[in-house]
N, C-alpha and C. Protein backbone atom coordinates (compact mmCIF):
# COMPACT_ATOMS: atom_id res chain seq x y z
N MET A 1 39.77 17.04 -11.76
CA MET A 1 38.35 17.33 -11.79
C MET A 1 37.69 16.66 -12.99
N LEU A 2 38.30 16.75 -14.14
CA LEU A 2 37.76 16.14 -15.35
C LEU A 2 37.70 14.62 -15.20
N ASN A 3 38.72 14.04 -14.54
CA ASN A 3 38.73 12.60 -14.31
C ASN A 3 37.54 12.17 -13.45
N LYS A 4 37.22 12.96 -12.43
CA LYS A 4 36.09 12.63 -11.56
C LYS A 4 34.77 12.71 -12.33
N LEU A 5 34.63 13.70 -13.20
CA LEU A 5 33.43 13.84 -14.00
C LEU A 5 33.26 12.66 -14.95
N VAL A 6 34.35 12.27 -15.59
CA VAL A 6 34.30 11.13 -16.51
C VAL A 6 33.94 9.85 -15.74
N LEU A 7 34.52 9.66 -14.57
CA LEU A 7 34.20 8.49 -13.75
C LEU A 7 32.73 8.49 -13.35
N LEU A 8 32.21 9.64 -12.96
CA LEU A 8 30.80 9.74 -12.59
C LEU A 8 29.91 9.38 -13.76
N LEU A 9 30.21 9.91 -14.93
CA LEU A 9 29.41 9.62 -16.12
C LEU A 9 29.48 8.14 -16.50
N LEU A 10 30.61 7.51 -16.28
CA LEU A 10 30.75 6.09 -16.57
C LEU A 10 29.98 5.22 -15.59
N LEU A 11 29.89 5.67 -14.35
CA LEU A 11 29.23 4.88 -13.32
C LEU A 11 27.72 5.08 -13.27
N LEU A 12 27.20 6.15 -13.82
CA LEU A 12 25.76 6.41 -13.78
C LEU A 12 24.93 5.26 -14.34
N PRO A 13 25.28 4.66 -15.48
CA PRO A 13 24.47 3.56 -15.98
C PRO A 13 24.49 2.33 -15.08
N VAL A 14 25.43 2.24 -14.16
CA VAL A 14 25.53 1.09 -13.27
C VAL A 14 24.50 1.16 -12.13
N TYR A 15 23.94 2.35 -11.90
CA TYR A 15 22.97 2.53 -10.82
C TYR A 15 21.86 1.49 -10.94
N THR A 16 21.58 0.80 -9.84
CA THR A 16 20.57 -0.27 -9.87
C THR A 16 19.31 0.08 -9.11
N GLY A 17 19.25 1.21 -8.47
CA GLY A 17 18.08 1.55 -7.68
C GLY A 17 18.04 0.78 -6.37
N ALA A 18 19.17 0.25 -5.96
CA ALA A 18 19.21 -0.61 -4.76
C ALA A 18 18.66 0.11 -3.53
N GLN A 19 18.84 1.44 -3.44
CA GLN A 19 18.35 2.11 -2.25
C GLN A 19 16.83 2.17 -2.20
N ALA A 20 16.15 1.91 -3.34
CA ALA A 20 14.69 1.87 -3.34
C ALA A 20 14.19 0.61 -2.64
N ARG A 21 14.97 -0.43 -2.66
CA ARG A 21 14.58 -1.70 -2.06
C ARG A 21 14.63 -1.59 -0.54
N GLY A 22 13.74 -2.32 0.08
CA GLY A 22 13.83 -2.37 1.53
C GLY A 22 12.49 -2.49 2.20
N THR A 23 12.55 -2.58 3.52
CA THR A 23 11.35 -2.65 4.33
C THR A 23 11.02 -1.23 4.78
N TYR A 24 9.87 -0.76 4.36
CA TYR A 24 9.44 0.59 4.71
C TYR A 24 8.64 0.60 6.01
N LEU A 25 7.92 -0.50 6.26
CA LEU A 25 7.12 -0.61 7.47
C LEU A 25 6.98 -2.09 7.81
N GLU A 26 7.36 -2.45 9.01
CA GLU A 26 7.24 -3.84 9.43
C GLU A 26 5.76 -4.22 9.54
N PRO A 27 5.41 -5.45 9.20
CA PRO A 27 4.01 -5.86 9.29
C PRO A 27 3.38 -5.61 10.66
N ASP A 28 4.11 -5.87 11.74
CA ASP A 28 3.55 -5.62 13.08
C ASP A 28 3.26 -4.14 13.31
N ALA A 29 4.11 -3.28 12.79
CA ALA A 29 3.88 -1.83 12.92
C ALA A 29 2.67 -1.41 12.09
N PHE A 30 2.51 -2.00 10.92
CA PHE A 30 1.33 -1.71 10.09
C PHE A 30 0.06 -2.10 10.83
N LEU A 31 0.05 -3.29 11.43
CA LEU A 31 -1.14 -3.75 12.14
C LEU A 31 -1.42 -2.89 13.37
N ALA A 32 -0.38 -2.47 14.07
CA ALA A 32 -0.57 -1.57 15.22
C ALA A 32 -1.16 -0.24 14.77
N GLU A 33 -0.76 0.22 13.60
CA GLU A 33 -1.30 1.46 13.04
C GLU A 33 -2.76 1.28 12.64
N ALA A 34 -3.08 0.12 12.06
CA ALA A 34 -4.44 -0.15 11.60
C ALA A 34 -5.42 -0.29 12.76
N PHE A 35 -4.94 -0.85 13.87
CA PHE A 35 -5.78 -1.08 15.05
C PHE A 35 -5.08 -0.39 16.22
N SER A 36 -5.46 0.83 16.49
CA SER A 36 -4.73 1.63 17.48
C SER A 36 -4.67 0.97 18.85
N SER A 37 -5.61 0.12 19.15
CA SER A 37 -5.51 -0.62 20.41
C SER A 37 -4.89 -1.99 20.10
N ALA A 38 -5.24 -2.99 20.86
CA ALA A 38 -4.65 -4.31 20.67
C ALA A 38 -5.00 -4.88 19.29
N ILE A 39 -4.04 -5.55 18.69
CA ILE A 39 -4.22 -6.16 17.38
C ILE A 39 -5.08 -7.41 17.55
N PRO A 40 -6.15 -7.55 16.75
CA PRO A 40 -6.98 -8.76 16.86
C PRO A 40 -6.22 -10.01 16.40
N GLU A 41 -6.72 -11.16 16.77
CA GLU A 41 -6.14 -12.42 16.32
C GLU A 41 -6.33 -12.54 14.81
N PRO A 42 -5.37 -13.11 14.12
CA PRO A 42 -5.53 -13.27 12.67
C PRO A 42 -6.56 -14.34 12.32
N ALA A 43 -7.20 -14.15 11.19
CA ALA A 43 -8.10 -15.14 10.61
C ALA A 43 -7.53 -15.51 9.24
N VAL A 44 -8.09 -16.53 8.63
CA VAL A 44 -7.57 -17.01 7.35
C VAL A 44 -8.71 -17.24 6.38
N ILE A 45 -8.47 -16.84 5.15
CA ILE A 45 -9.36 -17.20 4.04
C ILE A 45 -8.57 -18.16 3.17
N TRP A 46 -9.19 -19.31 2.88
CA TRP A 46 -8.56 -20.28 2.00
C TRP A 46 -8.99 -20.02 0.57
N LEU A 47 -8.04 -19.97 -0.34
CA LEU A 47 -8.33 -19.74 -1.75
C LEU A 47 -8.43 -21.09 -2.45
N THR A 48 -9.61 -21.68 -2.32
CA THR A 48 -9.87 -22.97 -2.94
C THR A 48 -11.20 -22.89 -3.69
N GLY A 49 -11.43 -23.84 -4.57
CA GLY A 49 -12.70 -23.94 -5.27
C GLY A 49 -13.07 -22.68 -6.03
N GLU A 50 -14.33 -22.27 -5.86
CA GLU A 50 -14.85 -21.11 -6.57
C GLU A 50 -14.10 -19.82 -6.20
N ARG A 51 -13.74 -19.69 -4.93
CA ARG A 51 -13.00 -18.51 -4.48
C ARG A 51 -11.66 -18.41 -5.22
N LYS A 52 -10.97 -19.53 -5.37
CA LYS A 52 -9.69 -19.56 -6.09
C LYS A 52 -9.88 -19.12 -7.54
N ASP A 53 -10.94 -19.61 -8.17
CA ASP A 53 -11.23 -19.25 -9.57
C ASP A 53 -11.56 -17.76 -9.69
N THR A 54 -12.31 -17.24 -8.74
CA THR A 54 -12.67 -15.81 -8.76
C THR A 54 -11.43 -14.94 -8.62
N VAL A 55 -10.55 -15.29 -7.68
CA VAL A 55 -9.32 -14.53 -7.48
C VAL A 55 -8.45 -14.57 -8.74
N LYS A 56 -8.36 -15.75 -9.35
CA LYS A 56 -7.58 -15.88 -10.58
C LYS A 56 -8.16 -15.01 -11.69
N GLN A 57 -9.47 -14.96 -11.79
CA GLN A 57 -10.12 -14.13 -12.80
C GLN A 57 -9.86 -12.65 -12.54
N LEU A 58 -9.95 -12.22 -11.28
CA LEU A 58 -9.73 -10.82 -10.94
C LEU A 58 -8.28 -10.39 -11.16
N LEU A 59 -7.33 -11.24 -10.78
CA LEU A 59 -5.92 -10.89 -10.89
C LEU A 59 -5.34 -11.15 -12.29
N GLY A 60 -5.96 -12.06 -13.00
CA GLY A 60 -5.41 -12.45 -14.30
C GLY A 60 -4.37 -13.54 -14.17
N HIS A 61 -4.19 -14.05 -12.96
CA HIS A 61 -3.25 -15.14 -12.69
C HIS A 61 -3.60 -15.72 -11.32
N ARG A 62 -3.03 -16.87 -11.03
CA ARG A 62 -3.25 -17.53 -9.74
C ARG A 62 -2.53 -16.74 -8.64
N TYR A 63 -3.18 -16.57 -7.50
CA TYR A 63 -2.51 -15.93 -6.36
C TYR A 63 -1.46 -16.89 -5.83
N ALA A 64 -0.35 -16.37 -5.37
CA ALA A 64 0.81 -17.19 -5.00
C ALA A 64 0.58 -18.12 -3.81
N SER A 65 -0.42 -17.84 -3.00
CA SER A 65 -0.64 -18.64 -1.80
C SER A 65 -2.07 -19.20 -1.81
N LEU A 66 -2.27 -20.29 -1.09
CA LEU A 66 -3.62 -20.86 -0.97
C LEU A 66 -4.40 -20.27 0.19
N ARG A 67 -3.72 -19.53 1.05
CA ARG A 67 -4.42 -18.90 2.16
C ARG A 67 -3.96 -17.46 2.31
N VAL A 68 -4.88 -16.64 2.78
CA VAL A 68 -4.60 -15.23 3.01
C VAL A 68 -5.01 -14.90 4.44
N ARG A 69 -4.06 -14.39 5.20
CA ARG A 69 -4.36 -13.99 6.58
C ARG A 69 -4.89 -12.56 6.59
N TYR A 70 -5.79 -12.31 7.52
CA TYR A 70 -6.32 -10.96 7.71
C TYR A 70 -6.68 -10.78 9.17
N TRP A 71 -6.86 -9.54 9.57
CA TRP A 71 -7.18 -9.20 10.95
C TRP A 71 -8.47 -8.38 10.91
N LEU A 72 -9.41 -8.70 11.77
CA LEU A 72 -10.74 -8.08 11.71
C LEU A 72 -11.19 -7.62 13.09
N ARG A 73 -11.68 -6.40 13.15
CA ARG A 73 -12.35 -5.88 14.34
C ARG A 73 -13.51 -5.03 13.84
N GLY A 74 -14.71 -5.46 14.15
CA GLY A 74 -15.89 -4.74 13.67
C GLY A 74 -15.93 -4.76 12.15
N GLU A 75 -16.06 -3.59 11.55
CA GLU A 75 -16.09 -3.48 10.10
C GLU A 75 -14.72 -3.17 9.51
N ARG A 76 -13.71 -3.11 10.35
CA ARG A 76 -12.35 -2.77 9.90
C ARG A 76 -11.52 -4.04 9.78
N SER A 77 -10.90 -4.20 8.62
CA SER A 77 -10.02 -5.35 8.42
C SER A 77 -8.70 -4.88 7.85
N ALA A 78 -7.65 -5.60 8.18
CA ALA A 78 -6.31 -5.31 7.65
C ALA A 78 -5.80 -6.58 6.97
N TRP A 79 -5.17 -6.38 5.85
CA TRP A 79 -4.68 -7.47 5.02
C TRP A 79 -3.23 -7.20 4.66
N ILE A 80 -2.42 -8.22 4.71
CA ILE A 80 -1.03 -8.11 4.25
C ILE A 80 -0.91 -9.05 3.06
N LEU A 81 -0.68 -8.47 1.90
CA LEU A 81 -0.71 -9.21 0.65
C LEU A 81 0.60 -9.07 -0.10
N GLU A 82 0.88 -10.03 -0.95
CA GLU A 82 2.06 -9.95 -1.81
C GLU A 82 1.63 -10.11 -3.25
N GLU A 83 2.22 -9.30 -4.10
CA GLU A 83 1.97 -9.38 -5.54
C GLU A 83 3.27 -9.08 -6.25
N VAL A 84 3.53 -9.79 -7.31
CA VAL A 84 4.75 -9.54 -8.07
C VAL A 84 4.58 -8.24 -8.84
N GLY A 85 5.58 -7.37 -8.71
CA GLY A 85 5.60 -6.13 -9.48
C GLY A 85 6.03 -6.46 -10.89
N LYS A 86 7.15 -5.93 -11.31
CA LYS A 86 7.70 -6.29 -12.62
C LYS A 86 8.35 -7.67 -12.55
N ASP A 87 9.21 -7.86 -11.56
CA ASP A 87 9.94 -9.12 -11.43
C ASP A 87 9.85 -9.76 -10.05
N LEU A 88 9.70 -8.95 -9.01
CA LEU A 88 9.82 -9.44 -7.64
C LEU A 88 8.57 -9.10 -6.82
N PRO A 89 8.33 -9.83 -5.73
CA PRO A 89 7.15 -9.55 -4.90
C PRO A 89 7.25 -8.20 -4.19
N ILE A 90 6.10 -7.58 -4.06
CA ILE A 90 5.95 -6.35 -3.28
C ILE A 90 4.93 -6.68 -2.20
N THR A 91 5.26 -6.40 -0.94
CA THR A 91 4.35 -6.67 0.17
C THR A 91 3.63 -5.38 0.52
N ILE A 92 2.30 -5.45 0.54
CA ILE A 92 1.51 -4.26 0.87
C ILE A 92 0.59 -4.56 2.04
N GLY A 93 0.24 -3.51 2.74
CA GLY A 93 -0.77 -3.59 3.79
C GLY A 93 -1.98 -2.81 3.33
N VAL A 94 -3.15 -3.40 3.48
CA VAL A 94 -4.40 -2.78 3.03
C VAL A 94 -5.36 -2.75 4.21
N VAL A 95 -6.01 -1.61 4.41
CA VAL A 95 -7.03 -1.50 5.46
C VAL A 95 -8.36 -1.20 4.78
N VAL A 96 -9.35 -2.03 5.08
CA VAL A 96 -10.71 -1.86 4.56
C VAL A 96 -11.60 -1.56 5.76
N ASN A 97 -12.42 -0.53 5.62
CA ASN A 97 -13.30 -0.13 6.72
C ASN A 97 -14.68 0.16 6.15
N GLY A 98 -15.68 -0.55 6.65
CA GLY A 98 -17.04 -0.34 6.17
C GLY A 98 -17.20 -0.63 4.70
N GLY A 99 -16.44 -1.57 4.18
CA GLY A 99 -16.56 -1.95 2.78
C GLY A 99 -15.83 -1.05 1.81
N ARG A 100 -15.08 -0.08 2.31
CA ARG A 100 -14.30 0.80 1.42
C ARG A 100 -12.83 0.75 1.80
N LEU A 101 -12.00 0.96 0.82
CA LEU A 101 -10.57 0.95 1.04
C LEU A 101 -10.18 2.22 1.79
N GLU A 102 -9.64 2.05 2.98
CA GLU A 102 -9.27 3.21 3.79
C GLU A 102 -7.84 3.68 3.48
N TYR A 103 -6.91 2.73 3.40
CA TYR A 103 -5.56 3.09 2.97
C TYR A 103 -4.73 1.87 2.61
N ILE A 104 -3.68 2.14 1.85
CA ILE A 104 -2.72 1.12 1.42
C ILE A 104 -1.33 1.64 1.77
N LYS A 105 -0.49 0.74 2.23
CA LYS A 105 0.92 1.09 2.48
C LYS A 105 1.81 0.01 1.89
N VAL A 106 2.88 0.43 1.26
CA VAL A 106 3.89 -0.52 0.80
C VAL A 106 4.74 -0.86 2.02
N LEU A 107 4.81 -2.14 2.35
CA LEU A 107 5.58 -2.58 3.50
C LEU A 107 6.99 -2.98 3.11
N VAL A 108 7.10 -3.82 2.09
CA VAL A 108 8.41 -4.29 1.63
C VAL A 108 8.46 -4.15 0.12
N PHE A 109 9.49 -3.47 -0.37
CA PHE A 109 9.66 -3.24 -1.81
C PHE A 109 10.96 -3.90 -2.23
N ARG A 110 10.88 -4.77 -3.23
CA ARG A 110 12.05 -5.55 -3.64
C ARG A 110 12.53 -5.23 -5.04
N GLU A 111 11.79 -4.45 -5.80
CA GLU A 111 12.15 -4.14 -7.18
C GLU A 111 13.30 -3.13 -7.21
N SER A 112 13.94 -3.02 -8.36
CA SER A 112 15.04 -2.06 -8.50
C SER A 112 14.54 -0.69 -8.94
N ARG A 113 13.29 -0.60 -9.39
CA ARG A 113 12.72 0.71 -9.75
C ARG A 113 11.23 0.68 -9.52
N GLY A 114 10.64 1.87 -9.52
CA GLY A 114 9.20 1.97 -9.29
C GLY A 114 8.82 2.26 -7.86
N GLU A 115 9.80 2.68 -7.07
CA GLU A 115 9.54 2.89 -5.64
C GLU A 115 8.54 3.99 -5.36
N GLU A 116 8.15 4.76 -6.37
CA GLU A 116 7.16 5.83 -6.14
C GLU A 116 5.82 5.27 -5.69
N ILE A 117 5.57 3.98 -5.87
CA ILE A 117 4.29 3.42 -5.43
C ILE A 117 4.11 3.49 -3.92
N ARG A 118 5.18 3.73 -3.19
CA ARG A 118 5.07 3.79 -1.72
C ARG A 118 4.63 5.15 -1.22
N HIS A 119 4.63 6.15 -2.08
CA HIS A 119 4.31 7.51 -1.66
C HIS A 119 2.80 7.77 -1.68
N PRO A 120 2.32 8.62 -0.78
CA PRO A 120 0.89 8.93 -0.72
C PRO A 120 0.32 9.46 -2.04
N PHE A 121 1.09 10.19 -2.84
CA PHE A 121 0.54 10.69 -4.10
C PHE A 121 0.12 9.55 -5.02
N PHE A 122 0.74 8.39 -4.88
CA PHE A 122 0.37 7.23 -5.68
C PHE A 122 -0.78 6.45 -5.04
N THR A 123 -0.67 6.17 -3.75
CA THR A 123 -1.67 5.32 -3.09
C THR A 123 -3.01 6.03 -2.89
N ARG A 124 -3.04 7.36 -2.89
CA ARG A 124 -4.30 8.10 -2.72
C ARG A 124 -5.33 7.77 -3.79
N GLN A 125 -4.87 7.38 -4.97
CA GLN A 125 -5.81 7.10 -6.06
C GLN A 125 -6.76 5.93 -5.74
N PHE A 126 -6.41 5.11 -4.77
CA PHE A 126 -7.22 3.94 -4.43
C PHE A 126 -8.16 4.18 -3.26
N LEU A 127 -8.03 5.31 -2.58
CA LEU A 127 -8.85 5.57 -1.40
C LEU A 127 -10.33 5.56 -1.75
N ASP A 128 -11.12 5.01 -0.84
CA ASP A 128 -12.57 4.90 -0.97
C ASP A 128 -13.03 3.96 -2.07
N ALA A 129 -12.11 3.17 -2.64
CA ALA A 129 -12.53 2.17 -3.63
C ALA A 129 -13.44 1.17 -2.94
N ARG A 130 -14.44 0.71 -3.65
CA ARG A 130 -15.39 -0.27 -3.13
C ARG A 130 -15.60 -1.35 -4.17
N LEU A 131 -15.96 -2.52 -3.69
CA LEU A 131 -16.37 -3.57 -4.60
C LEU A 131 -17.79 -3.31 -5.05
N ASP A 132 -18.07 -3.60 -6.31
CA ASP A 132 -19.44 -3.51 -6.77
C ASP A 132 -19.92 -4.89 -7.20
N ALA A 133 -21.06 -4.99 -7.80
CA ALA A 133 -21.64 -6.28 -8.15
C ALA A 133 -20.76 -7.06 -9.14
N GLU A 134 -19.94 -6.37 -9.89
CA GLU A 134 -19.08 -7.04 -10.86
C GLU A 134 -17.73 -7.33 -10.31
């Protein structure tokens, strides 16, 4: 029994958080959730010129891609975005409705820690966020 306890204590620092990593929701499932009926055709925004500079200013760095796909029906849009967490990209799904953030879901999490960002208690803080003049 003592040997097992010592082994457990020795192995605890080796924990890497690997079970936190993974796909929590496939992008197609996210889009089906965002648009309960048929998913609209994707559209693209190109991040060039002034738009590229604005995004860089808002993020504090250049966005990893020159184009961003989104899906739009009426005033509701869904976006699948990637942003580096501490070290690795995190894929999120964002739904905007009527100019306000309706919900965010973590789709793919690749970091070894910080998986709490996928839980509603974390993502609720962003609900109803809106862009303002600034």
